[in-house]
C-alpha atoms as a PDB file:
ATOM      1  CA  UNK A   1     -29.920   0.463   8.749  1.00  0.00           C
ATOM      2  CA  UNK A   2     -30.836   2.203   5.494  1.00  0.00           C
ATOM      3  CA  UNK A   3     -29.286   5.551   4.704  1.00  0.00           C
ATOM      4  CA  UNK A   4     -30.042   8.204   2.142  1.00  0.00           C
ATOM      5  CA  UNK A   5     -28.362  11.549   1.595  1.00  0.00           C
ATOM      6  CA  UNK A   6     -30.278  14.414   3.136  1.00  0.00           C
ATOM      7  CA  UNK A   7     -30.013  16.294  -0.150  1.00  0.00           C
ATOM      8  CA  UNK A   8     -32.180  15.893  -3.199  1.00  0.00           C
ATOM      9  CA  UNK A   9     -35.896  16.004  -2.764  1.00  0.00           C
ATOM     10  CA  UNK A  10     -38.495  15.746  -0.110  1.00  0.00           C
ATOM     11  CA  UNK A  11     -37.872  13.498   2.886  1.00  0.00           C
ATOM     12  CA  UNK A  12     -41.408  12.233   2.235  1.00  0.00           C
ATOM     13  CA  UNK A  13     -40.353  10.773  -1.103  1.00  0.00           C
ATOM     14  CA  UNK A  14     -37.072   9.443   0.278  1.00  0.00           C
ATOM     15  CA  UNK A  15     -38.476   7.666   3.334  1.00  0.00           C
ATOM     16  CA  UNK A  16     -42.078   6.708   2.518  1.00  0.00           C
ATOM     17  CA  UNK A  17     -40.996   3.747   0.344  1.00  0.00           C
ATOM     18  CA  UNK A  18     -38.401   2.630   2.908  1.00  0.00           C
ATOM     19  CA  UNK A  19     -40.959   2.665   5.714  1.00  0.00           C
ATOM     20  CA  UNK A  20     -43.537   0.787   3.651  1.00  0.00           C
ATOM     21  CA  UNK A  21     -40.911  -1.794   2.587  1.00  0.00           C
ATOM     22  CA  UNK A  22     -39.785  -2.341   6.181  1.00  0.00           C
ATOM     23  CA  UNK A  23     -43.383  -2.877   7.300  1.00  0.00           C
ATOM     24  CA  UNK A  24     -43.963  -5.286   4.397  1.00  0.00           C
ATOM     25  CA  UNK A  25     -40.846  -7.197   5.538  1.00  0.00           C
ATOM     26  CA  UNK A  26     -42.437  -7.661   8.933  1.00  0.00           C
ATOM     27  CA  UNK A  27     -40.573  -4.987  10.889  1.00  0.00           C
ATOM     28  CA  UNK A  28     -42.780  -3.642  13.665  1.00  0.00           C
ATOM     29  CA  UNK A  29     -43.671   0.038  13.450  1.00  0.00           C
ATOM     30  CA  UNK A  30     -42.373   0.636  16.983  1.00  0.00           C
ATOM     31  CA  UNK A  31     -38.966  -0.787  15.968  1.00  0.00           C
ATOM     32  CA  UNK A  32     -38.471   1.920  13.325  1.00  0.00           C
ATOM     33  CA  UNK A  33     -37.008   5.362  13.983  1.00  0.00           C
ATOM     34  CA  UNK A  34     -36.366   8.151  11.514  1.00  0.00           C
ATOM     35  CA  UNK A  35     -33.231  10.095  12.385  1.00  0.00           C
ATOM     36  CA  UNK A  36     -33.651  13.353  10.476  1.00  0.00           C
ATOM     37  CA  UNK A  37     -31.436  16.357  10.054  1.00  0.00           C
ATOM     38  CA  UNK A  38     -33.038  19.587  11.223  1.00  0.00           C
ATOM     39  CA  UNK A  39     -33.258  20.602   7.557  1.00  0.00           C
ATOM     40  CA  UNK A  40     -35.212  17.451   6.687  1.00  0.00           C
ATOM     41  CA  UNK A  41     -37.546  17.917   9.678  1.00  0.00           C
ATOM     42  CA  UNK A  42     -38.313  21.407   8.404  1.00  0.00           C
ATOM     43  CA  UNK A  43     -38.775  20.233   4.806  1.00  0.00           C
ATOM     44  CA  UNK A  44     -41.050  17.375   5.836  1.00  0.00           C
ATOM     45  CA  UNK A  45     -43.265  19.438   8.107  1.00  0.00           C
ATOM     46  CA  UNK A  46     -43.607  22.256   5.551  1.00  0.00           C
ATOM     47  CA  UNK A  47     -44.093  20.135   2.418  1.00  0.00           C
ATOM     48  CA  UNK A  48     -47.587  20.911   1.082  1.00  0.00           C
ATOM     49  CA  UNK A  49     -47.629  17.562  -0.742  1.00  0.00           C
ATOM     50  CA  UNK A  50     -47.470  15.604   2.550  1.00  0.00           C
ATOM     51  CA  UNK A  51     -50.976  14.862   3.807  1.00  0.00           C
ATOM     52  CA  UNK A  52     -51.601  16.301   7.274  1.00  0.00           C
ATOM     53  CA  UNK A  53     -52.615  12.839   8.468  1.00  0.00           C
ATOM     54  CA  UNK A  54     -49.118  11.481   7.721  1.00  0.00           C
ATOM     55  CA  UNK A  55     -47.498  13.651  10.417  1.00  0.00           C
ATOM     56  CA  UNK A  56     -48.594  13.545  14.032  1.00  0.00           C
ATOM     57  CA  UNK A  57     -47.396  14.824  17.383  1.00  0.00           C
ATOM     58  CA  UNK A  58     -48.104  12.950  20.611  1.00  0.00           C
ATOM     59  CA  UNK A  59     -46.573  13.902  23.956  1.00  0.00           C
ATOM     60  CA  UNK A  60     -44.061  16.110  22.151  1.00  0.00           C
ATOM     61  CA  UNK A  61     -42.920  13.330  19.807  1.00  0.00           C
ATOM     62  CA  UNK A  62     -43.176  13.816  16.053  1.00  0.00           C
ATOM     63  CA  UNK A  63     -44.185  10.796  13.976  1.00  0.00           C
ATOM     64  CA  UNK A  64     -44.176  10.322  10.223  1.00  0.00           C
ATOM     65  CA  UNK A  65     -46.436   7.512   8.981  1.00  0.00           C
ATOM     66  CA  UNK A  66     -46.457   6.317  12.595  1.00  0.00           C
ATOM     67  CA  UNK A  67     -42.645   6.148  12.791  1.00  0.00           C
ATOM     68  CA  UNK A  68     -40.975   8.083  15.614  1.00  0.00           C
ATOM     69  CA  UNK A  69     -38.842  10.986  14.374  1.00  0.00           C
ATOM     70  CA  UNK A  70     -35.610  11.943  16.142  1.00  0.00           C
ATOM     71  CA  UNK A  71     -34.824  15.549  15.254  1.00  0.00           C
ATOM     72  CA  UNK A  72     -31.252  16.680  14.613  1.00  0.00           C
ATOM     73  CA  UNK A  73     -27.972  15.322  15.882  1.00  0.00           C
ATOM     74  CA  UNK A  74     -27.167  13.636  12.564  1.00  0.00           C
ATOM     75  CA  UNK A  75     -25.349  14.738   9.423  1.00  0.00           C
ATOM     76  CA  UNK A  76     -27.372  12.421   7.177  1.00  0.00           C
ATOM     77  CA  UNK A  77     -31.003  11.451   7.614  1.00  0.00           C
ATOM     78  CA  UNK A  78     -31.683   7.715   7.909  1.00  0.00           C
ATOM     79  CA  UNK A  79     -34.281   5.120   8.813  1.00  0.00           C
ATOM     80  CA  UNK A  80     -33.122   2.860  11.648  1.00  0.00           C
ATOM     81  CA  UNK A  81     -34.606  -0.512  12.442  1.00  0.00           C
ATOM     82  CA  UNK A  82     -35.246  -1.610   8.856  1.00  0.00           C
ATOM     83  CA  UNK A  83     -33.680  -4.889   7.832  1.00  0.00           C
ATOM     84  CA  UNK A  84     -30.826  -4.504   5.340  1.00  0.00           C
ATOM     85  CA  UNK A  85     -31.409  -6.456   2.226  1.00  0.00           C
END
């Protein structure tokens, strides 16, 4: 599981590369979950630099680049399901 501090820049910048790397390593999209702090959820959804097509909502579930987002309940935002390496 990859972790990054929830401080210092847009969650888009912090997690886009991790998601793309995990997919390139063969991790299935449905095996990835972004656990975001409430602050990072707010930053991500309000960031004007994030294309609208990169964030979606289906059946009340937020997704970023197709990855399910779990909102809150964590002190540090992280991407779960990515292979450590």
